[in-house]
PDB file of N, CA and C in Angstrom:
ATOM      1  N   MET A   1     151.463  -2.979 144.335  1.00  0.00           N
ATOM      2  CA  MET A   1     150.517  -2.069 144.147  1.00  0.00           C
ATOM      3  C   MET A   1     149.748  -2.414 142.515  1.00  0.00           C
ATOM      4  N   GLN A   2     150.831  -2.539 141.774  1.00  0.00           N
ATOM      5  CA  GLN A   2     150.430  -2.776 139.867  1.00  0.00           C
ATOM      6  C   GLN A   2     149.789  -4.190 140.455  1.00  0.00           C
ATOM      7  N   LEU A   3     150.536  -5.544 140.979  1.00  0.00           N
ATOM      8  CA  LEU A   3     150.179  -6.644 140.920  1.00  0.00           C
ATOM      9  C   LEU A   3     148.590  -6.801 140.871  1.00  0.00           C
ATOM     10  N   THR A   4     148.323  -6.057 142.043  1.00  0.00           N
ATOM     11  CA  THR A   4     146.795  -6.176 142.474  1.00  0.00           C
ATOM     12  C   THR A   4     146.105  -5.745 141.710  1.00  0.00           C
ATOM     13  N   ALA A   5     146.506  -4.359 140.970  1.00  0.00           N
ATOM     14  CA  ALA A   5     145.353  -4.174 139.663  1.00  0.00           C
ATOM     15  C   ALA A   5     144.964  -4.847 138.651  1.00  0.00           C
ATOM     16  N   ARG A   6     146.142  -5.461 138.622  1.00  0.00           N
ATOM     17  CA  ARG A   6     146.425  -6.655 136.925  1.00  0.00           C
ATOM     18  C   ARG A   6     145.823  -7.380 137.590  1.00  0.00           C
ATOM     19  N   ASN A   7     145.627  -8.282 138.939  1.00  0.00           N
ATOM     20  CA  ASN A   7     144.778  -9.547 138.875  1.00  0.00           C
ATOM     21  C   ASN A   7     143.554  -9.077 139.221  1.00  0.00           C
ATOM     22  N   ASN A   8     142.895  -8.125 140.020  1.00  0.00           N
ATOM     23  CA  ASN A   8     141.706  -7.469 140.034  1.00  0.00           C
ATOM     24  C   ASN A   8     140.954  -7.693 138.589  1.00  0.00           C
ATOM     25  N   TRP A   9     141.954  -6.735 137.334  1.00  0.00           N
ATOM     26  CA  TRP A   9     141.529  -6.893 136.130  1.00  0.00           C
ATOM     27  C   TRP A   9     141.775  -7.981 135.359  1.00  0.00           C
ATOM     28  N   GLY A  10     141.993  -8.252 135.808  1.00  0.00           N
ATOM     29  CA  GLY A  10     141.705 -10.078 135.391  1.00  0.00           C
ATOM     30  C   GLY A  10     140.206 -10.966 135.900  1.00  0.00           C
ATOM     31  N   HIS A  11     140.391 -10.543 137.304  1.00  0.00           N
ATOM     32  CA  HIS A  11     139.231 -11.434 137.820  1.00  0.00           C
ATOM     33  C   HIS A  11     137.827 -10.517 136.969  1.00  0.00           C
ATOM     34  N   VAL A  12     137.981  -9.218 136.914  1.00  0.00           N
ATOM     35  CA  VAL A  12     136.619  -8.275 136.020  1.00  0.00           C
ATOM     36  C   VAL A  12     136.583  -8.906 134.997  1.00  0.00           C
ATOM     37  N   SER A  13     137.527  -8.881 134.145  1.00  0.00           N
ATOM     38  CA  SER A  13     137.637  -9.590 132.999  1.00  0.00           C
ATOM     39  C   SER A  13     136.624 -11.126 132.579  1.00  0.00           C
ATOM     40  N   LEU A  14     137.409 -12.314 133.541  1.00  0.00           N
ATOM     41  CA  LEU A  14     136.972 -13.147 133.669  1.00  0.00           C
ATOM     42  C   LEU A  14     135.190 -13.483 134.186  1.00  0.00           C
ATOM     43  N   ALA A  15     134.849 -12.686 134.907  1.00  0.00           N
ATOM     44  CA  ALA A  15     133.676 -12.569 135.251  1.00  0.00           C
ATOM     45  C   ALA A  15     132.546 -12.362 134.193  1.00  0.00           C
ATOM     46  N   MET A  16     133.091 -10.922 133.407  1.00  0.00           N
ATOM     47  CA  MET A  16     132.546 -10.542 131.952  1.00  0.00           C
ATOM     48  C   MET A  16     132.548 -11.595 131.267  1.00  0.00           C
ATOM     49  N   LEU A  17     133.661 -11.991 131.341  1.00  0.00           N
ATOM     50  CA  LEU A  17     133.361 -13.557 129.897  1.00  0.00           C
ATOM     51  C   LEU A  17     132.448 -14.458 130.624  1.00  0.00           C
ATOM     52  N   LYS A  18     132.233 -14.493 131.665  1.00  0.00           N
ATOM     53  CA  LYS A  18     131.673 -15.456 131.742  1.00  0.00           C
ATOM     54  C   LYS A  18     129.893 -15.229 132.113  1.00  0.00           C
ATOM     55  N   SER A  19     129.641 -13.944 132.613  1.00  0.00           N
ATOM     56  CA  SER A  19     128.435 -13.505 132.054  1.00  0.00           C
ATOM     57  C   SER A  19     128.390 -13.711 130.420  1.00  0.00           C
ATOM     58  N   PHE A  20     129.120 -13.261 129.633  1.00  0.00           N
ATOM     59  CA  PHE A  20     128.513 -12.868 128.294  1.00  0.00           C
ATOM     60  C   PHE A  20     128.300 -14.243 127.478  1.00  0.00           C
ATOM     61  N   LEU A  21     129.023 -14.975 127.940  1.00  0.00           N
ATOM     62  CA  LEU A  21     128.903 -16.631 127.952  1.00  0.00           C
ATOM     63  C   LEU A  21     127.750 -16.953 128.712  1.00  0.00           C
ATOM     64  N   LEU A  22     127.404 -17.336 129.591  1.00  0.00           N
ATOM     65  CA  LEU A  22     125.960 -17.743 130.128  1.00  0.00           C
ATOM     66  C   LEU A  22     124.371 -17.019 128.963  1.00  0.00           C
ATOM     67  N   TRP A  23     124.766 -15.079 128.973  1.00  0.00           N
ATOM     68  CA  TRP A  23     124.431 -14.651 128.410  1.00  0.00           C
ATOM     69  C   TRP A  23     123.916 -15.364 126.821  1.00  0.00           C
ATOM     70  N   SER A  24     124.718 -15.237 126.430  1.00  0.00           N
ATOM     71  CA  SER A  24     125.029 -16.342 125.172  1.00  0.00           C
ATOM     72  C   SER A  24     123.727 -17.370 124.340  1.00  0.00           C
ATOM     73  N   PHE A  25     124.041 -17.952 125.540  1.00  0.00           N
ATOM     74  CA  PHE A  25     123.772 -19.630 126.223  1.00  0.00           C
ATOM     75  C   PHE A  25     122.401 -19.403 126.508  1.00  0.00           C
ATOM     76  N   VAL A  26     121.879 -18.350 127.188  1.00  0.00           N
ATOM     77  CA  VAL A  26     120.134 -17.945 127.958  1.00  0.00           C
ATOM     78  C   VAL A  26     119.777 -17.603 126.730  1.00  0.00           C
ATOM     79  N   LEU A  27     120.046 -16.452 125.666  1.00  0.00           N
ATOM     80  CA  LEU A  27     119.260 -16.259 124.478  1.00  0.00           C
ATOM     81  C   LEU A  27     118.873 -16.846 123.518  1.00  0.00           C
ATOM     82  N   THR A  28     120.137 -17.956 123.519  1.00  0.00           N
ATOM     83  CA  THR A  28     119.614 -19.286 122.387  1.00  0.00           C
ATOM     84  C   THR A  28     118.865 -20.013 122.509  1.00  0.00           C
ATOM     85  N   VAL A  29     118.941 -20.456 123.954  1.00  0.00           N
ATOM     86  CA  VAL A  29     117.956 -21.498 124.290  1.00  0.00           C
ATOM     87  C   VAL A  29     116.457 -21.009 124.241  1.00  0.00           C
ATOM     88  N   CYS A  30     116.383 -19.450 124.516  1.00  0.00           N
ATOM     89  CA  CYS A  30     115.345 -18.760 124.321  1.00  0.00           C
ATOM     90  C   CYS A  30     114.729 -18.526 123.219  1.00  0.00           C
ATOM     91  N   LEU A  31     115.241 -18.309 122.588  1.00  0.00           N
ATOM     92  CA  LEU A  31     115.155 -18.334 120.859  1.00  0.00           C
ATOM     93  C   LEU A  31     114.784 -19.098 120.480  1.00  0.00           C
ATOM     94  N   LEU A  32     115.669 -20.904 120.706  1.00  0.00           N
ATOM     95  CA  LEU A  32     114.467 -21.992 120.266  1.00  0.00           C
ATOM     96  C   LEU A  32     113.710 -22.318 120.666  1.00  0.00           C
ATOM     97  N   VAL A  33     113.188 -22.231 121.848  1.00  0.00           N
ATOM     98  CA  VAL A  33     112.637 -22.430 122.479  1.00  0.00           C
ATOM     99  C   VAL A  33     110.895 -21.599 122.582  1.00  0.00           C
ATOM    100  N   VAL A  34     111.587 -20.199 123.246  1.00  0.00           N
ATOM    101  CA  VAL A  34     110.234 -19.623 123.197  1.00  0.00           C
ATOM    102  C   VAL A  34     109.397 -19.192 121.958  1.00  0.00           C
ATOM    103  N   GLY A  35     110.631 -18.685 121.450  1.00  0.00           N
ATOM    104  CA  GLY A  35     110.754 -17.906 120.029  1.00  0.00           C
ATOM    105  C   GLY A  35     110.716 -18.350 118.695  1.00  0.00           C
ATOM    106  N   PHE A  36     109.593 -20.063 119.125  1.00  0.00           N
ATOM    107  CA  PHE A  36     109.834 -21.208 118.205  1.00  0.00           C
ATOM    108  C   PHE A  36     108.988 -20.301 117.265  1.00  0.00           C
ATOM    109  N   PRO A  37     107.762 -19.116 116.993  1.00  0.00           N
ATOM    110  CA  PRO A  37     106.979 -18.772 116.259  1.00  0.00           C
ATOM    111  C   PRO A  37     107.407 -18.015 115.562  1.00  0.00           C
ATOM    112  N   LEU A  38     108.318 -17.469 116.258  1.00  0.00           N
ATOM    113  CA  LEU A  38     109.468 -16.159 115.088  1.00  0.00           C
ATOM    114  C   LEU A  38     110.499 -17.155 114.341  1.00  0.00           C
ATOM    115  N   VAL A  39     110.708 -17.801 114.919  1.00  0.00           N
ATOM    116  CA  VAL A  39     111.289 -18.714 114.182  1.00  0.00           C
ATOM    117  C   VAL A  39     110.546 -19.075 112.894  1.00  0.00           C
ATOM    118  N   VAL A  40     109.722 -19.665 112.763  1.00  0.00           N
ATOM    119  CA  VAL A  40     108.621 -20.539 112.079  1.00  0.00           C
ATOM    120  C   VAL A  40     108.449 -18.988 110.912  1.00  0.00           C
ATOM    121  N   LEU A  41     108.489 -18.049 111.701  1.00  0.00           N
ATOM    122  CA  LEU A  41     107.790 -16.557 110.495  1.00  0.00           C
ATOM    123  C   LEU A  41     109.116 -16.261 109.628  1.00  0.00           C
ATOM    124  N   MET A  42     110.347 -16.696 110.672  1.00  0.00           N
ATOM    125  CA  MET A  42     111.750 -15.975 109.476  1.00  0.00           C
ATOM    126  C   MET A  42     112.022 -16.947 108.732  1.00  0.00           C
ATOM    127  N   MET A  43     111.543 -18.374 109.019  1.00  0.00           N
ATOM    128  CA  MET A  43     112.121 -19.389 108.112  1.00  0.00           C
ATOM    129  C   MET A  43     111.317 -19.539 106.364  1.00  0.00           C
ATOM    130  N   THR A  44     109.769 -18.469 107.108  1.00  0.00           N
ATOM    131  CA  THR A  44     108.481 -18.789 105.943  1.00  0.00           C
ATOM    132  C   THR A  44     108.997 -17.343 105.128  1.00  0.00           C
ATOM    133  N   VAL A  45     109.698 -16.719 105.553  1.00  0.00           N
ATOM    134  CA  VAL A  45     109.680 -15.278 104.937  1.00  0.00           C
ATOM    135  C   VAL A  45     111.267 -15.617 104.112  1.00  0.00           C
ATOM    136  N   GLY A  46     112.312 -16.571 104.708  1.00  0.00           N
ATOM    137  CA  GLY A  46     113.096 -17.117 104.311  1.00  0.00           C
ATOM    138  C   GLY A  46     113.168 -17.465 103.434  1.00  0.00           C
ATOM    139  N   ALA A  47     112.046 -18.653 102.815  1.00  0.00           N
ATOM    140  CA  ALA A  47     111.677 -19.612 102.214  1.00  0.00           C
ATOM    141  C   ALA A  47     111.257 -18.366 100.699  1.00  0.00           C
ATOM    142  N   LEU A  48     110.169 -17.727 101.452  1.00  0.00           N
ATOM    143  CA  LEU A  48     110.242 -16.602  99.941  1.00  0.00           C
ATOM    144  C   LEU A  48     111.054 -16.175  99.652  1.00  0.00           C
ATOM    145  N   SER A  49     111.575 -15.523  99.972  1.00  0.00           N
ATOM    146  CA  SER A  49     112.780 -14.697  99.505  1.00  0.00           C
ATOM    147  C   SER A  49     113.827 -15.632  98.867  1.00  0.00           C
ATOM    148  N   ALA A  50     113.941 -17.109  98.855  1.00  0.00           N
ATOM    149  CA  ALA A  50     114.791 -18.135  97.934  1.00  0.00           C
ATOM    150  C   ALA A  50     114.001 -18.299  96.890  1.00  0.00           C
ATOM    151  N   ILE A  51     112.574 -18.392  96.663  1.00  0.00           N
ATOM    152  CA  ILE A  51     112.045 -18.453  95.544  1.00  0.00           C
ATOM    153  C   ILE A  51     111.910 -17.365  94.624  1.00  0.00           C
ATOM    154  N   ILE A  52     112.026 -15.866  95.699  1.00  0.00           N
ATOM    155  CA  ILE A  52     112.177 -14.695  94.248  1.00  0.00           C
ATOM    156  C   ILE A  52     113.301 -14.679  93.756  1.00  0.00           C
ATOM    157  N   LEU A  53     114.573 -14.428  94.969  1.00  0.00           N
ATOM    158  CA  LEU A  53     115.718 -14.795  94.474  1.00  0.00           C
ATOM    159  C   LEU A  53     116.086 -15.448  93.461  1.00  0.00           C
ATOM    160  N   GLN A  54     115.953 -17.146  93.539  1.00  0.00           N
ATOM    161  CA  GLN A  54     115.723 -17.598  92.480  1.00  0.00           C
ATOM    162  C   GLN A  54     116.357 -17.102  90.723  1.00  0.00           C
ATOM    163  N   SER A  55     115.132 -16.569  90.428  1.00  0.00           N
ATOM    164  CA  SER A  55     115.502 -15.840  89.206  1.00  0.00           C
ATOM    165  C   SER A  55     116.329 -15.068  88.944  1.00  0.00           C
ATOM    166  N   VAL A  56     116.563 -14.552  90.132  1.00  0.00           N
ATOM    167  CA  VAL A  56     117.721 -13.666  89.937  1.00  0.00           C
ATOM    168  C   VAL A  56     119.440 -13.983  90.055  1.00  0.00           C
ATOM    169  N   LEU A  57     119.593 -14.724  91.182  1.00  0.00           N
ATOM    170  CA  LEU A  57     120.485 -15.825  91.596  1.00  0.00           C
ATOM    171  C   LEU A  57     120.483 -17.389  91.441  1.00  0.00           C
ATOM    172  N   PRO A  58     120.629 -17.694  90.263  1.00  0.00           N
ATOM    173  CA  PRO A  58     119.980 -19.312  90.233  1.00  0.00           C
ATOM    174  C   PRO A  58     120.751 -20.709  91.287  1.00  0.00           C
ATOM    175  N   ILE A  59     122.188 -20.382  91.177  1.00  0.00           N
ATOM    176  CA  ILE A  59     122.828 -21.009  92.123  1.00  0.00           C
ATOM    177  C   ILE A  59     122.805 -21.157  93.699  1.00  0.00           C
ATOM    178  N   SER A  60     123.066 -19.400  94.057  1.00  0.00           N
ATOM    179  CA  SER A  60     123.626 -19.437  95.398  1.00  0.00           C
ATOM    180  C   SER A  60     122.173 -18.744  96.161  1.00  0.00           C
ATOM    181  N   SER A  61     121.000 -18.175  95.816  1.00  0.00           N
ATOM    182  CA  SER A  61     120.171 -18.234  96.608  1.00  0.00           C
ATOM    183  C   SER A  61     119.486 -18.858  98.100  1.00  0.00           C
ATOM    184  N   VAL A  62     119.910 -19.698  97.575  1.00  0.00           N
ATOM    185  CA  VAL A  62     119.360 -20.625  98.749  1.00  0.00           C
ATOM    186  C   VAL A  62     120.504 -20.530  99.915  1.00  0.00           C
ATOM    187  N   LEU A  63     121.552 -20.451  99.397  1.00  0.00           N
ATOM    188  CA  LEU A  63     122.729 -19.787 100.347  1.00  0.00           C
ATOM    189  C   LEU A  63     122.199 -18.775 100.623  1.00  0.00           C
ATOM    190  N   LEU A  64     122.255 -17.632  99.943  1.00  0.00           N
ATOM    191  CA  LEU A  64     122.448 -16.331 100.593  1.00  0.00           C
ATOM    192  C   LEU A  64     121.934 -16.297 101.479  1.00  0.00           C
ATOM    193  N   VAL A  65     120.334 -17.023 101.690  1.00  0.00           N
ATOM    194  CA  VAL A  65     119.314 -16.316 102.329  1.00  0.00           C
ATOM    195  C   VAL A  65     119.340 -17.212 103.650  1.00  0.00           C
ATOM    196  N   ALA A  66     119.539 -18.514 103.410  1.00  0.00           N
ATOM    197  CA  ALA A  66     120.163 -18.821 105.012  1.00  0.00           C
ATOM    198  C   ALA A  66     121.228 -18.196 105.331  1.00  0.00           C
ATOM    199  N   GLY A  67     122.259 -18.447 104.942  1.00  0.00           N
ATOM    200  CA  GLY A  67     123.683 -17.910 105.857  1.00  0.00           C
ATOM    201  C   GLY A  67     123.075 -16.428 106.569  1.00  0.00           C
ATOM    202  N   MET A  68     122.384 -15.151 105.660  1.00  0.00           N
ATOM    203  CA  MET A  68     121.606 -14.254 106.180  1.00  0.00           C
ATOM    204  C   MET A  68     120.523 -14.378 107.068  1.00  0.00           C
ATOM    205  N   ILE A  69     119.839 -15.412 107.468  1.00  0.00           N
ATOM    206  CA  ILE A  69     118.817 -15.600 108.518  1.00  0.00           C
ATOM    207  C   ILE A  69     119.831 -16.197 109.830  1.00  0.00           C
ATOM    208  N   ILE A  70     120.664 -17.161 109.092  1.00  0.00           N
ATOM    209  CA  ILE A  70     121.286 -17.098 110.897  1.00  0.00           C
ATOM    210  C   ILE A  70     122.857 -16.449 111.005  1.00  0.00           C
ATOM    211  N   GLY A  71     122.927 -15.315 109.930  1.00  0.00           N
ATOM    212  CA  GLY A  71     123.898 -14.529 110.718  1.00  0.00           C
ATOM    213  C   GLY A  71     123.395 -13.652 111.329  1.00  0.00           C
ATOM    214  N   ILE A  72     122.250 -13.251 111.104  1.00  0.00           N
ATOM    215  CA  ILE A  72     121.679 -12.042 111.684  1.00  0.00           C
ATOM    216  C   ILE A  72     120.741 -12.436 112.879  1.00  0.00           C
ATOM    217  N   ASN A  73     120.703 -14.007 112.953  1.00  0.00           N
ATOM    218  CA  ASN A  73     120.414 -14.351 114.434  1.00  0.00           C
ATOM    219  C   ASN A  73     121.593 -14.457 115.276  1.00  0.00           C
ATOM    220  N   ILE A  74     122.317 -15.028 114.472  1.00  0.00           N
ATOM    221  CA  ILE A  74     123.877 -15.064 115.433  1.00  0.00           C
ATOM    222  C   ILE A  74     124.141 -13.411 116.382  1.00  0.00           C
ATOM    223  N   LEU A  75     123.967 -12.878 114.882  1.00  0.00           N
ATOM    224  CA  LEU A  75     124.513 -11.224 115.147  1.00  0.00           C
ATOM    225  C   LEU A  75     123.697 -10.893 116.455  1.00  0.00           C
ATOM    226  N   ALA A  76     122.433 -11.011 116.845  1.00  0.00           N
ATOM    227  CA  ALA A  76     121.624 -10.449 117.351  1.00  0.00           C
ATOM    228  C   ALA A  76     121.713 -11.598 118.620  1.00  0.00           C
ATOM    229  N   ILE A  77     121.681 -12.184 118.524  1.00  0.00           N
ATOM    230  CA  ILE A  77     122.084 -12.721 119.914  1.00  0.00           C
ATOM    231  C   ILE A  77     123.516 -12.221 120.794  1.00  0.00           C
ATOM    232  N   LEU A  78     124.110 -12.212 119.913  1.00  0.00           N
ATOM    233  CA  LEU A  78     126.030 -11.229 120.411  1.00  0.00           C
ATOM    234  C   LEU A  78     125.570 -10.111 120.998  1.00  0.00           C
ATOM    235  N   ILE A  79     124.821  -9.689 119.874  1.00  0.00           N
ATOM    236  CA  ILE A  79     124.910  -7.987 120.539  1.00  0.00           C
ATOM    237  C   ILE A  79     124.069  -7.850 121.554  1.00  0.00           C
ATOM    238  N   SER A  80     122.972  -8.767 121.867  1.00  0.00           N
ATOM    239  CA  SER A  80     122.638  -8.708 122.793  1.00  0.00           C
ATOM    240  C   SER A  80     123.062  -9.218 124.495  1.00  0.00           C
ATOM    241  N   ALA A  81     123.667 -10.067 124.031  1.00  0.00           N
ATOM    242  CA  ALA A  81     124.726 -10.514 125.372  1.00  0.00           C
ATOM    243  C   ALA A  81     125.587  -9.631 125.835  1.00  0.00           C
ATOM    244  N   ALA A  82     126.079  -8.703 124.586  1.00  0.00           N
ATOM    245  CA  ALA A  82     127.637  -7.891 125.112  1.00  0.00           C
ATOM    246  C   ALA A  82     126.696  -6.772 125.515  1.00  0.00           C
ATOM    247  N   LEU A  83     125.541  -6.211 124.863  1.00  0.00           N
ATOM    248  CA  LEU A  83     124.430  -5.263 125.671  1.00  0.00           C
ATOM    249  C   LEU A  83     124.489  -5.571 127.560  1.00  0.00           C
ATOM    250  N   LEU A  84     123.590  -6.959 127.439  1.00  0.00           N
ATOM    251  CA  LEU A  84     123.573  -6.658 128.810  1.00  0.00           C
ATOM    252  C   LEU A  84     124.360  -7.426 129.848  1.00  0.00           C
ATOM    253  N   THR A  85     125.431  -7.571 129.566  1.00  0.00           N
ATOM    254  CA  THR A  85     126.922  -7.814 130.129  1.00  0.00           C
ATOM    255  C   THR A  85     127.533  -6.523 130.038  1.00  0.00           C
ATOM    256  N   ALA A  86     127.448  -5.464 129.204  1.00  0.00           N
ATOM    257  CA  ALA A  86     127.714  -4.218 129.826  1.00  0.00           C
ATOM    258  C   ALA A  86     127.295  -3.339 130.362  1.00  0.00           C
ATOM    259  N   LYS A  87     126.042  -3.446 130.672  1.00  0.00           N
ATOM    260  CA  LYS A  87     125.010  -3.028 131.535  1.00  0.00           C
ATOM    261  C   LYS A  87     125.351  -3.638 132.746  1.00  0.00           C
ATOM    262  N   GLY A  88     125.743  -4.777 132.833  1.00  0.00           N
ATOM    263  CA  GLY A  88     126.103  -5.679 134.529  1.00  0.00           C
ATOM    264  C   GLY A  88     124.779  -6.166 134.932  1.00  0.00           C
ATOM    265  N   VAL A  89     124.057  -6.962 134.119  1.00  0.00           N
ATOM    266  CA  VAL A  89     122.908  -7.655 134.683  1.00  0.00           C
ATOM    267  C   VAL A  89     123.376  -9.107 134.456  1.00  0.00           C
ATOM    268  N   HIS A  90     123.094  -9.568 135.128  1.00  0.00           N
ATOM    269  CA  HIS A  90     124.032 -11.017 135.370  1.00  0.00           C
ATOM    270  C   HIS A  90     122.781 -11.772 135.855  1.00  0.00           C
ATOM    271  N   PRO A  91     122.581 -12.915 134.811  1.00  0.00           N
ATOM    272  CA  PRO A  91     121.718 -13.638 134.517  1.00  0.00           C
ATOM    273  C   PRO A  91     120.592 -14.392 135.798  1.00  0.00           C
ATOM    274  N   HIS A  92     122.033 -14.851 136.843  1.00  0.00           N
ATOM    275  CA  HIS A  92     121.157 -15.134 138.282  1.00  0.00           C
ATOM    276  C   HIS A  92     120.346 -13.931 139.000  1.00  0.00           C
ATOM    277  N   GLU A  93     120.471 -12.283 138.642  1.00  0.00           N
ATOM    278  CA  GLU A  93     119.847 -11.403 138.757  1.00  0.00           C
ATOM    279  C   GLU A  93     118.531 -11.529 138.436  1.00  0.00           C
ATOM    280  N   VAL A  94     118.220 -12.258 137.133  1.00  0.00           N
ATOM    281  CA  VAL A  94     117.092 -12.020 136.487  1.00  0.00           C
ATOM    282  C   VAL A  94     115.720 -13.201 137.000  1.00  0.00           C
ATOM    283  N   SER A  95     114.976 -12.956 137.935  1.00  0.00           N
ATOM    284  CA  SER A  95     113.647 -13.332 138.383  1.00  0.00           C
ATOM    285  C   SER A  95     113.058 -14.480 137.613  1.00  0.00           C
ATOM    286  N   TRP A  96     113.017 -14.461 136.130  1.00  0.00           N
ATOM    287  CA  TRP A  96     111.997 -15.284 135.155  1.00  0.00           C
ATOM    288  C   TRP A  96     112.896 -16.400 134.516  1.00  0.00           C
ATOM    289  N   LEU A  97     114.389 -16.209 134.926  1.00  0.00           N
ATOM    290  CA  LEU A  97     115.147 -17.107 134.799  1.00  0.00           C
ATOM    291  C   LEU A  97     115.515 -18.364 136.070  1.00  0.00           C
ATOM    292  N   HIS A  98     114.104 -19.000 136.518  1.00  0.00           N
ATOM    293  CA  HIS A  98     114.849 -19.382 137.687  1.00  0.00           C
ATOM    294  C   HIS A  98     114.915 -20.934 136.768  1.00  0.00           C
ATOM    295  N   TRP A  99     114.830 -21.327 135.786  1.00  0.00           N
ATOM    296  CA  TRP A  99     115.027 -22.821 135.561  1.00  0.00           C
ATOM    297  C   TRP A  99     116.857 -22.588 135.410  1.00  0.00           C
ATOM    298  N   LEU A 100     117.530 -21.818 135.189  1.00  0.00           N
ATOM    299  CA  LEU A 100     118.861 -21.176 135.254  1.00  0.00           C
ATOM    300  C   LEU A 100     119.397 -21.885 136.701  1.00  0.00           C
ATOM    301  N   HIS A 101     118.840 -21.024 137.458  1.00  0.00           N
ATOM    302  CA  HIS A 101     119.024 -21.056 138.893  1.00  0.00           C
ATOM    303  C   HIS A 101     119.150 -22.953 139.746  1.00  0.00           C
ATOM    304  N   GLY A 102     118.501 -23.690 139.051  1.00  0.00           N
ATOM    305  CA  GLY A 102     118.359 -24.562 139.546  1.00  0.00           C
ATOM    306  C   GLY A 102     117.065 -24.958 140.595  1.00  0.00           C
ATOM    307  N   GLU A 103     116.487 -23.621 140.737  1.00  0.00           N
ATOM    308  CA  GLU A 103     115.810 -23.808 141.986  1.00  0.00           C
ATOM    309  C   GLU A 103     114.232 -24.247 141.210  1.00  0.00           C
ATOM    310  N   VAL A 104     113.474 -25.346 142.057  1.00  0.00           N
ATOM    311  CA  VAL A 104     112.142 -25.334 141.425  1.00  0.00           C
ATOM    312  C   VAL A 104     111.196 -25.016 142.270  1.00  0.00           C
ATOM    313  N   LYS A 105     110.417 -23.991 141.474  1.00  0.00           N
ATOM    314  CA  LYS A 105     109.397 -23.018 141.910  1.00  0.00           C
ATOM    315  C   LYS A 105     107.961 -23.680 142.077  1.00  0.00           C
ATOM    316  N   THR A 106     107.731 -24.698 142.968  1.00  0.00           N
ATOM    317  CA  THR A 106     106.315 -25.271 143.087  1.00  0.00           C
ATOM    318  C   THR A 106     104.949 -24.075 143.276  1.00  0.00           C
ATOM    319  N   SER A 107     104.115 -24.588 142.501  1.00  0.00           N
ATOM    320  CA  SER A 107     103.016 -23.620 142.415  1.00  0.00           C
ATOM    321  C   SER A 107     102.335 -24.608 143.630  1.00  0.00           C
ATOM    322  N   HIS A 108     101.828 -25.900 143.646  1.00  0.00           N
ATOM    323  CA  HIS A 108     101.057 -26.159 144.511  1.00  0.00           C
ATOM    324  C   HIS A 108     101.398 -27.668 144.533  1.00  0.00           C
ATOM    325  N   GLN A 109     101.043 -28.075 145.890  1.00  0.00           N
ATOM    326  CA  GLN A 109     101.007 -29.948 146.145  1.00  0.00           C
ATOM    327  C   GLN A 109     100.411 -30.772 145.533  1.00  0.00           C
ATOM    328  N   ALA A 110     101.181 -31.820 144.503  1.00  0.00           N
ATOM    329  CA  ALA A 110      99.669 -32.458 144.626  1.00  0.00           C
ATOM    330  C   ALA A 110      99.238 -33.316 145.460  1.00  0.00           C
ATOM    331  N   VAL A 111      97.601 -33.678 145.676  1.00  0.00           N
ATOM    332  CA  VAL A 111      96.967 -34.451 146.451  1.00  0.00           C
ATOM    333  C   VAL A 111      96.287 -35.857 145.554  1.00  0.00           C
ATOM    334  N   TYR A 112      96.274 -36.509 146.177  1.00  0.00           N
ATOM    335  CA  TYR A 112      96.102 -37.741 145.375  1.00  0.00           C
ATOM    336  C   TYR A 112      95.128 -38.426 146.072  1.00  0.00           C
ATOM    337  N   ALA A 113      94.268 -39.088 145.055  1.00  0.00           N
ATOM    338  CA  ALA A 113      92.654 -39.403 145.273  1.00  0.00           C
ATOM    339  C   ALA A 113      92.828 -40.455 146.513  1.00  0.00           C
ATOM    340  N   SER A 114      93.808 -41.474 146.804  1.00  0.00           N
ATOM    341  CA  SER A 114      93.977 -42.161 148.104  1.00  0.00           C
ATOM    342  C   SER A 114      94.035 -41.843 149.151  1.00  0.00           C
ATOM    343  N   CYS A 115      94.757 -40.238 148.780  1.00  0.00           N
ATOM    344  CA  CYS A 115      95.471 -39.693 150.511  1.00  0.00           C
ATOM    345  C   CYS A 115      94.430 -40.080 151.702  1.00  0.00           C
ATOM    346  N   PRO A 116      93.411 -39.350 151.289  1.00  0.00           N
ATOM    347  CA  PRO A 116      92.200 -39.196 152.578  1.00  0.00           C
ATOM    348  C   PRO A 116      92.509 -40.943 153.333  1.00  0.00           C
ATOM    349  N   LEU A 117      92.543 -41.566 152.439  1.00  0.00           N
ATOM    350  CA  LEU A 117      92.491 -43.475 152.938  1.00  0.00           C
ATOM    351  C   LEU A 117      93.531 -43.461 153.589  1.00  0.00           C
ATOM    352  N   THR A 118      95.045 -43.503 153.051  1.00  0.00           N
ATOM    353  CA  THR A 118      95.938 -43.859 153.232  1.00  0.00           C
ATOM    354  C   THR A 118      97.247 -43.227 153.826  1.00  0.00           C
ATOM    355  N   CYS A 119      97.098 -41.730 153.796  1.00  0.00           N
ATOM    356  CA  CYS A 119      98.063 -40.804 154.484  1.00  0.00           C
ATOM    357  C   CYS A 119      97.957 -41.227 155.980  1.00  0.00           C
ATOM    358  N   GLY A 120      96.993 -41.297 156.439  1.00  0.00           N
ATOM    359  CA  GLY A 120      97.287 -41.594 158.172  1.00  0.00           C
ATOM    360  C   GLY A 120      97.805 -43.095 158.456  1.00  0.00           C
ATOM    361  N   VAL A 121      98.381 -43.842 157.446  1.00  0.00           N
ATOM    362  CA  VAL A 121      98.578 -45.203 157.316  1.00  0.00           C
ATOM    363  C   VAL A 121     100.528 -45.051 158.109  1.00  0.00           C
ATOM    364  N   VAL A 122     100.847 -45.747 158.838  1.00  0.00           N
ATOM    365  CA  VAL A 122     102.125 -45.940 159.336  1.00  0.00           C
ATOM    366  C   VAL A 122     102.458 -47.056 159.268  1.00  0.00           C
ATOM    367  N   HIS A 123     103.626 -47.401 158.538  1.00  0.00           N
ATOM    368  CA  HIS A 123     104.290 -48.661 157.836  1.00  0.00           C
ATOM    369  C   HIS A 123     105.163 -49.345 158.973  1.00  0.00           C
TER     370      HIS A 123
END
């Protein structure tokens, strides 16, 4: 009985780890691709912060600001992935992540200009 319970717990923890890693990947890709304006805004604020901090911390202001921005982004992605994993939401259940499923969702069929002339021709 204990062997079955231990084996089941290992399967559940492996599934949760897989879901966490998949959510981390998906959120990172979404931040880099979709959140590009947000990244530009963060870098602008970071550059201005580094310029302002240069008078107070002349040597390490750029390193401090860059580290904080990168750390906050990584922390936000990991916390979001942990919350989504804890709630039991799997990335394959989300409808707007169709690129993750490998299924192409075509909205229309391509019609070429020469089709009325050549579509009926059989080789």
